[in-house]
PDB file of N, CA and C in Angstrom:
ATOM      1  N   MET A   1       0.835  -1.190   0.000  1.00  0.00           N
ATOM      2  CA  MET A   1       0.000   0.000   0.000  1.00  0.00           C
ATOM      3  C   MET A   1       0.878   1.251   0.000  1.00  0.00           C
ATOM      4  N   LEU A   2       0.363   2.275  -0.583  1.00  0.00           N
ATOM      5  CA  LEU A   2       1.103   3.532  -0.710  1.00  0.00           C
ATOM      6  C   LEU A   2       1.436   4.128   0.659  1.00  0.00           C
ATOM      7  N   VAL A   3       0.578   3.945   1.632  1.00  0.00           N
ATOM      8  CA  VAL A   3       0.819   4.540   2.953  1.00  0.00           C
ATOM      9  C   VAL A   3       1.980   3.874   3.689  1.00  0.00           C
ATOM     10  N   GLN A   4       2.423   2.716   3.238  1.00  0.00           N
ATOM     11  CA  GLN A   4       3.518   2.004   3.898  1.00  0.00           C
ATOM     12  C   GLN A   4       4.900   2.490   3.467  1.00  0.00           C
ATOM     13  N   LEU A   5       4.956   3.280   2.398  1.00  0.00           N
ATOM     14  CA  LEU A   5       6.241   3.790   1.922  1.00  0.00           C
ATOM     15  C   LEU A   5       6.698   4.962   2.772  1.00  0.00           C
ATOM     16  N   LYS A   6       8.010   5.134   2.832  1.00  0.00           N
ATOM     17  CA  LYS A   6       8.605   6.259   3.541  1.00  0.00           C
ATOM     18  C   LYS A   6       9.056   7.298   2.516  1.00  0.00           C
ATOM     19  N   THR A   7       9.340   8.494   2.975  1.00  0.00           N
ATOM     20  CA  THR A   7       9.787   9.573   2.096  1.00  0.00           C
ATOM     21  C   THR A   7      11.030   9.138   1.324  1.00  0.00           C
ATOM     22  N   GLY A   8      10.989   9.351   0.006  1.00  0.00           N
ATOM     23  CA  GLY A   8      12.118   9.002  -0.851  1.00  0.00           C
ATOM     24  C   GLY A   8      12.045   7.620  -1.471  1.00  0.00           C
ATOM     25  N   GLU A   9      11.157   6.769  -0.992  1.00  0.00           N
ATOM     26  CA  GLU A   9      11.048   5.416  -1.545  1.00  0.00           C
ATOM     27  C   GLU A   9      10.279   5.434  -2.862  1.00  0.00           C
ATOM     28  N   LYS A  10      10.646   4.504  -3.742  1.00  0.00           N
ATOM     29  CA  LYS A  10       9.987   4.384  -5.041  1.00  0.00           C
ATOM     30  C   LYS A  10       9.276   3.042  -5.132  1.00  0.00           C
ATOM     31  N   ALA A  11       8.213   3.029  -5.925  1.00  0.00           N
ATOM     32  CA  ALA A  11       7.444   1.800  -6.131  1.00  0.00           C
ATOM     33  C   ALA A  11       6.714   1.883  -7.456  1.00  0.00           C
ATOM     34  N   THR A  12       6.255   0.729  -7.920  1.00  0.00           N
ATOM     35  CA  THR A  12       5.462   0.650  -9.144  1.00  0.00           C
ATOM     36  C   THR A  12       4.029   0.330  -8.763  1.00  0.00           C
ATOM     37  N   ILE A  13       3.075   1.044  -9.343  1.00  0.00           N
ATOM     38  CA  ILE A  13       1.663   0.824  -9.051  1.00  0.00           C
ATOM     39  C   ILE A  13       1.225  -0.493  -9.688  1.00  0.00           C
ATOM     40  N   LYS A  14       0.610  -1.348  -8.888  1.00  0.00           N
ATOM     41  CA  LYS A  14       0.133  -2.635  -9.379  1.00  0.00           C
ATOM     42  C   LYS A  14      -1.381  -2.669  -9.565  1.00  0.00           C
ATOM     43  N   ASN A  15      -2.135  -1.974  -8.694  1.00  0.00           N
ATOM     44  CA  ASN A  15      -3.600  -2.048  -8.765  1.00  0.00           C
ATOM     45  C   ASN A  15      -4.209  -0.776  -8.175  1.00  0.00           C
ATOM     46  N   ILE A  16      -5.085  -0.130  -8.955  1.00  0.00           N
ATOM     47  CA  ILE A  16      -5.812   1.041  -8.450  1.00  0.00           C
ATOM     48  C   ILE A  16      -7.327   0.814  -8.496  1.00  0.00           C
ATOM     49  N   SER A  17      -7.739  -0.423  -8.739  1.00  0.00           N
ATOM     50  CA  SER A  17      -9.169  -0.704  -8.888  1.00  0.00           C
ATOM     51  C   SER A  17      -9.948  -0.585  -7.576  1.00  0.00           C
ATOM     52  N   MET A  18      -9.260  -0.606  -6.438  1.00  0.00           N
ATOM     53  CA  MET A  18      -9.939  -0.499  -5.141  1.00  0.00           C
ATOM     54  C   MET A  18     -10.250   0.950  -4.766  1.00  0.00           C
ATOM     55  N   VAL A  19      -9.679   1.901  -5.495  1.00  0.00           N
ATOM     56  CA  VAL A  19      -9.877   3.322  -5.219  1.00  0.00           C
ATOM     57  C   VAL A  19     -11.234   3.762  -5.768  1.00  0.00           C
ATOM     58  N   ASP A  20     -11.819   4.765  -5.137  1.00  0.00           N
ATOM     59  CA  ASP A  20     -13.095   5.339  -5.590  1.00  0.00           C
ATOM     60  C   ASP A  20     -13.017   5.702  -7.069  1.00  0.00           C
ATOM     61  N   GLN A  21     -14.123   5.520  -7.795  1.00  0.00           N
ATOM     62  CA  GLN A  21     -14.163   5.744  -9.241  1.00  0.00           C
ATOM     63  C   GLN A  21     -13.729   7.153  -9.645  1.00  0.00           C
ATOM     64  N   LEU A  22     -14.166   8.176  -8.912  1.00  0.00           N
ATOM     65  CA  LEU A  22     -13.784   9.550  -9.249  1.00  0.00           C
ATOM     66  C   LEU A  22     -12.283   9.778  -9.072  1.00  0.00           C
ATOM     67  N   VAL A  23     -11.731   9.255  -7.991  1.00  0.00           N
ATOM     68  CA  VAL A  23     -10.297   9.389  -7.743  1.00  0.00           C
ATOM     69  C   VAL A  23      -9.522   8.591  -8.787  1.00  0.00           C
ATOM     70  N   GLN A  24     -10.017   7.411  -9.100  1.00  0.00           N
ATOM     71  CA  GLN A  24      -9.382   6.566 -10.108  1.00  0.00           C
ATOM     72  C   GLN A  24      -9.336   7.295 -11.457  1.00  0.00           C
ATOM     73  N   ARG A  25     -10.427   7.920 -11.823  1.00  0.00           N
ATOM     74  CA  ARG A  25     -10.482   8.666 -13.079  1.00  0.00           C
ATOM     75  C   ARG A  25      -9.496   9.825 -13.075  1.00  0.00           C
ATOM     76  N   ARG A  26      -9.410  10.519 -11.952  1.00  0.00           N
ATOM     77  CA  ARG A  26      -8.484  11.650 -11.837  1.00  0.00           C
ATOM     78  C   ARG A  26      -7.033  11.182 -11.959  1.00  0.00           C
ATOM     79  N   LEU A  27      -6.704  10.065 -11.326  1.00  0.00           N
ATOM     80  CA  LEU A  27      -5.352   9.516 -11.433  1.00  0.00           C
ATOM     81  C   LEU A  27      -5.029   9.157 -12.881  1.00  0.00           C
ATOM     82  N   LEU A  28      -5.980   8.540 -13.560  1.00  0.00           N
ATOM     83  CA  LEU A  28      -5.782   8.182 -14.969  1.00  0.00           C
ATOM     84  C   LEU A  28      -5.600   9.428 -15.831  1.00  0.00           C
ATOM     85  N   ASP A  29      -6.361  10.488 -15.548  1.00  0.00           N
ATOM     86  CA  ASP A  29      -6.226  11.743 -16.284  1.00  0.00           C
ATOM     87  C   ASP A  29      -4.842  12.363 -16.092  1.00  0.00           C
ATOM     88  N   LEU A  30      -4.253  12.135 -14.922  1.00  0.00           N
ATOM     89  CA  LEU A  30      -2.925  12.673 -14.625  1.00  0.00           C
ATOM     90  C   LEU A  30      -1.801  11.759 -15.115  1.00  0.00           C
ATOM     91  N   GLY A  31      -2.169  10.633 -15.719  1.00  0.00           N
ATOM     92  CA  GLY A  31      -1.170   9.723 -16.261  1.00  0.00           C
ATOM     93  C   GLY A  31      -0.668   8.689 -15.277  1.00  0.00           C
ATOM     94  N   ILE A  32      -1.307   8.593 -14.123  1.00  0.00           N
ATOM     95  CA  ILE A  32      -0.906   7.603 -13.128  1.00  0.00           C
ATOM     96  C   ILE A  32      -1.764   6.365 -13.332  1.00  0.00           C
ATOM     97  N   THR A  33      -1.152   5.347 -13.920  1.00  0.00           N
ATOM     98  CA  THR A  33      -1.852   4.110 -14.236  1.00  0.00           C
ATOM     99  C   THR A  33      -1.102   2.940 -13.622  1.00  0.00           C
ATOM    100  N   GLU A  34      -1.683   1.757 -13.751  1.00  0.00           N
ATOM    101  CA  GLU A  34      -0.992   0.558 -13.287  1.00  0.00           C
ATOM    102  C   GLU A  34       0.271   0.401 -14.115  1.00  0.00           C
ATOM    103  N   GLY A  35       1.384   0.194 -13.441  1.00  0.00           N
ATOM    104  CA  GLY A  35       2.679   0.106 -14.109  1.00  0.00           C
ATOM    105  C   GLY A  35       3.497   1.380 -13.997  1.00  0.00           C
ATOM    106  N   SER A  36       2.873   2.482 -13.561  1.00  0.00           N
ATOM    107  CA  SER A  36       3.593   3.752 -13.384  1.00  0.00           C
ATOM    108  C   SER A  36       4.483   3.671 -12.151  1.00  0.00           C
ATOM    109  N   GLU A  37       5.634   4.324 -12.236  1.00  0.00           N
ATOM    110  CA  GLU A  37       6.527   4.391 -11.083  1.00  0.00           C
ATOM    111  C   GLU A  37       6.244   5.674 -10.317  1.00  0.00           C
ATOM    112  N   VAL A  38       6.144   5.560  -9.004  1.00  0.00           N
ATOM    113  CA  VAL A  38       5.903   6.725  -8.150  1.00  0.00           C
ATOM    114  C   VAL A  38       6.989   6.819  -7.088  1.00  0.00           C
ATOM    115  N   CYS A  39       7.232   8.034  -6.640  1.00  0.00           N
ATOM    116  CA  CYS A  39       8.196   8.290  -5.571  1.00  0.00           C
ATOM    117  C   CYS A  39       7.506   9.152  -4.515  1.00  0.00           C
ATOM    118  N   VAL A  40       7.621   8.752  -3.259  1.00  0.00           N
ATOM    119  CA  VAL A  40       7.020   9.526  -2.170  1.00  0.00           C
ATOM    120  C   VAL A  40       7.921  10.717  -1.880  1.00  0.00           C
ATOM    121  N   LYS A  41       7.404  11.918  -2.068  1.00  0.00           N
ATOM    122  CA  LYS A  41       8.170  13.143  -1.855  1.00  0.00           C
ATOM    123  C   LYS A  41       8.046  13.655  -0.419  1.00  0.00           C
ATOM    124  N   CYS A  42       6.828  13.541   0.135  1.00  0.00           N
ATOM    125  CA  CYS A  42       6.580  14.120   1.451  1.00  0.00           C
ATOM    126  C   CYS A  42       5.340  13.476   2.054  1.00  0.00           C
ATOM    127  N   ILE A  43       5.390  13.214   3.349  1.00  0.00           N
ATOM    128  CA  ILE A  43       4.214  12.714   4.062  1.00  0.00           C
ATOM    129  C   ILE A  43       3.845  13.793   5.073  1.00  0.00           C
ATOM    130  N   LEU A  44       2.731  14.435   4.841  1.00  0.00           N
ATOM    131  CA  LEU A  44       2.332  15.549   5.705  1.00  0.00           C
ATOM    132  C   LEU A  44       1.809  15.038   7.049  1.00  0.00           C
ATOM    133  N   PRO A  45       2.068  15.775   8.129  1.00  0.00           N
ATOM    134  CA  PRO A  45       1.688  15.327   9.467  1.00  0.00           C
ATOM    135  C   PRO A  45       0.189  15.434   9.742  1.00  0.00           C
ATOM    136  N   PHE A  46      -0.198  14.877  10.887  1.00  0.00           N
ATOM    137  CA  PHE A  46      -1.567  14.961  11.406  1.00  0.00           C
ATOM    138  C   PHE A  46      -2.599  14.364  10.462  1.00  0.00           C
ATOM    139  N   GLY A  47      -2.239  13.280   9.781  1.00  0.00           N
ATOM    140  CA  GLY A  47      -3.182  12.609   8.895  1.00  0.00           C
ATOM    141  C   GLY A  47      -3.392  13.311   7.572  1.00  0.00           C
ATOM    142  N   GLY A  48      -2.469  14.201   7.213  1.00  0.00           N
ATOM    143  CA  GLY A  48      -2.572  14.939   5.959  1.00  0.00           C
ATOM    144  C   GLY A  48      -2.249  14.059   4.765  1.00  0.00           C
ATOM    145  N   PRO A  49      -2.296  14.636   3.577  1.00  0.00           N
ATOM    146  CA  PRO A  49      -2.069  13.851   2.360  1.00  0.00           C
ATOM    147  C   PRO A  49      -0.617  13.414   2.190  1.00  0.00           C
ATOM    148  N   ILE A  50      -0.433  12.486   1.275  1.00  0.00           N
ATOM    149  CA  ILE A  50       0.892  11.995   0.903  1.00  0.00           C
ATOM    150  C   ILE A  50       1.211  12.601  -0.458  1.00  0.00           C
ATOM    151  N   MET A  51       2.336  13.266  -0.558  1.00  0.00           N
ATOM    152  CA  MET A  51       2.757  13.877  -1.813  1.00  0.00           C
ATOM    153  C   MET A  51       3.613  12.875  -2.571  1.00  0.00           C
ATOM    154  N   ILE A  52       3.182  12.553  -3.794  1.00  0.00           N
ATOM    155  CA  ILE A  52       3.945  11.624  -4.621  1.00  0.00           C
ATOM    156  C   ILE A  52       4.338  12.317  -5.920  1.00  0.00           C
ATOM    157  N   GLU A  53       5.400  11.814  -6.536  1.00  0.00           N
ATOM    158  CA  GLU A  53       5.815  12.305  -7.842  1.00  0.00           C
ATOM    159  C   GLU A  53       5.719  11.168  -8.842  1.00  0.00           C
ATOM    160  N   SER A  54       5.091  11.447  -9.958  1.00  0.00           N
ATOM    161  CA  SER A  54       4.976  10.478 -11.038  1.00  0.00           C
ATOM    162  C   SER A  54       4.872  11.248 -12.349  1.00  0.00           C
ATOM    163  N   CYS A  55       5.523  10.766 -13.354  1.00  0.00           N
ATOM    164  CA  CYS A  55       5.489  11.400 -14.682  1.00  0.00           C
ATOM    165  C   CYS A  55       5.921  12.862 -14.612  1.00  0.00           C
ATOM    166  N   GLY A  56       6.827  13.205 -13.701  1.00  0.00           N
ATOM    167  CA  GLY A  56       7.341  14.569 -13.611  1.00  0.00           C
ATOM    168  C   GLY A  56       6.443  15.559 -12.905  1.00  0.00           C
ATOM    169  N   GLN A  57       5.379  15.084 -12.252  1.00  0.00           N
ATOM    170  CA  GLN A  57       4.483  16.006 -11.545  1.00  0.00           C
ATOM    171  C   GLN A  57       4.236  15.512 -10.119  1.00  0.00           C
ATOM    172  N   CYS A  58       4.021  16.458  -9.217  1.00  0.00           N
ATOM    173  CA  CYS A  58       3.738  16.121  -7.816  1.00  0.00           C
ATOM    174  C   CYS A  58       2.232  16.176  -7.587  1.00  0.00           C
ATOM    175  N   ILE A  59       1.747  15.183  -6.859  1.00  0.00           N
ATOM    176  CA  ILE A  59       0.315  15.055  -6.605  1.00  0.00           C
ATOM    177  C   ILE A  59       0.122  14.704  -5.138  1.00  0.00           C
ATOM    178  N   GLY A  60      -0.883  15.315  -4.518  1.00  0.00           N
ATOM    179  CA  GLY A  60      -1.254  14.970  -3.152  1.00  0.00           C
ATOM    180  C   GLY A  60      -2.407  13.977  -3.162  1.00  0.00           C
ATOM    181  N   ILE A  61      -2.257  12.892  -2.407  1.00  0.00           N
ATOM    182  CA  ILE A  61      -3.310  11.873  -2.329  1.00  0.00           C
ATOM    183  C   ILE A  61      -3.697  11.689  -0.866  1.00  0.00           C
ATOM    184  N   ARG A  62      -4.998  11.715  -0.603  1.00  0.00           N
ATOM    185  CA  ARG A  62      -5.477  11.490   0.769  1.00  0.00           C
ATOM    186  C   ARG A  62      -5.054  10.104   1.234  1.00  0.00           C
ATOM    187  N   ARG A  63      -4.823   9.978   2.526  1.00  0.00           N
ATOM    188  CA  ARG A  63      -4.410   8.681   3.075  1.00  0.00           C
ATOM    189  C   ARG A  63      -5.486   7.615   2.869  1.00  0.00           C
ATOM    190  N   LYS A  64      -6.744   8.033   2.895  1.00  0.00           N
ATOM    191  CA  LYS A  64      -7.855   7.102   2.670  1.00  0.00           C
ATOM    192  C   LYS A  64      -7.717   6.427   1.305  1.00  0.00           C
ATOM    193  N   GLU A  65      -7.392   7.205   0.284  1.00  0.00           N
ATOM    194  CA  GLU A  65      -7.205   6.646  -1.051  1.00  0.00           C
ATOM    195  C   GLU A  65      -5.868   5.919  -1.177  1.00  0.00           C
ATOM    196  N   ALA A  66      -4.844   6.440  -0.497  1.00  0.00           N
ATOM    197  CA  ALA A  66      -3.514   5.826  -0.571  1.00  0.00           C
ATOM    198  C   ALA A  66      -3.524   4.402  -0.011  1.00  0.00           C
ATOM    199  N   LYS A  67      -4.404   4.144   0.953  1.00  0.00           N
ATOM    200  CA  LYS A  67      -4.505   2.797   1.525  1.00  0.00           C
ATOM    201  C   LYS A  67      -5.044   1.785   0.520  1.00  0.00           C
ATOM    202  N   CYS A  68      -5.720   2.254  -0.520  1.00  0.00           N
ATOM    203  CA  CYS A  68      -6.345   1.374  -1.512  1.00  0.00           C
ATOM    204  C   CYS A  68      -5.475   1.134  -2.740  1.00  0.00           C
ATOM    205  N   ILE A  69      -4.320   1.769  -2.815  1.00  0.00           N
ATOM    206  CA  ILE A  69      -3.439   1.631  -3.977  1.00  0.00           C
ATOM    207  C   ILE A  69      -2.376   0.578  -3.664  1.00  0.00           C
ATOM    208  N   GLU A  70      -2.373  -0.489  -4.442  1.00  0.00           N
ATOM    209  CA  GLU A  70      -1.408  -1.581  -4.260  1.00  0.00           C
ATOM    210  C   GLU A  70      -0.143  -1.288  -5.059  1.00  0.00           C
ATOM    211  N   LEU A  71       1.016  -1.527  -4.423  1.00  0.00           N
ATOM    212  CA  LEU A  71       2.302  -1.215  -5.033  1.00  0.00           C
ATOM    213  C   LEU A  71       3.254  -2.405  -4.969  1.00  0.00           C
ATOM    214  N   GLU A  72       4.302  -2.299  -5.755  1.00  0.00           N
ATOM    215  CA  GLU A  72       5.427  -3.224  -5.670  1.00  0.00           C
ATOM    216  C   GLU A  72       6.674  -2.361  -5.547  1.00  0.00           C
ATOM    217  N   ARG A  73       7.451  -2.560  -4.490  1.00  0.00           N
ATOM    218  CA  ARG A  73       8.640  -1.734  -4.277  1.00  0.00           C
ATOM    219  C   ARG A  73       9.662  -1.969  -5.372  1.00  0.00           C
ATOM    220  N   VAL A  74      10.362  -0.877  -5.713  1.00  0.00           N
ATOM    221  CA  VAL A  74      11.401  -0.961  -6.756  1.00  0.00           C
ATOM    222  C   VAL A  74      12.729  -1.258  -6.109  1.00  0.00           C
TER     223      VAL A  74
END
């Protein structure tokens, strides 16, 4: 899961089908698909979002959605 990564770690997305349909669509629009490599840039405190970088852009993802994204560490 995306929430298990630490700052600076990289992983490849394996499954995003468990994420809400609207969030899934937004990720696809941003080019984040299964097979994309992501890097955790920052984990904000107090239950805040996780900032990831993929395809040259930084994106904030709520922890609720990050728990539903399956990854494989690189």
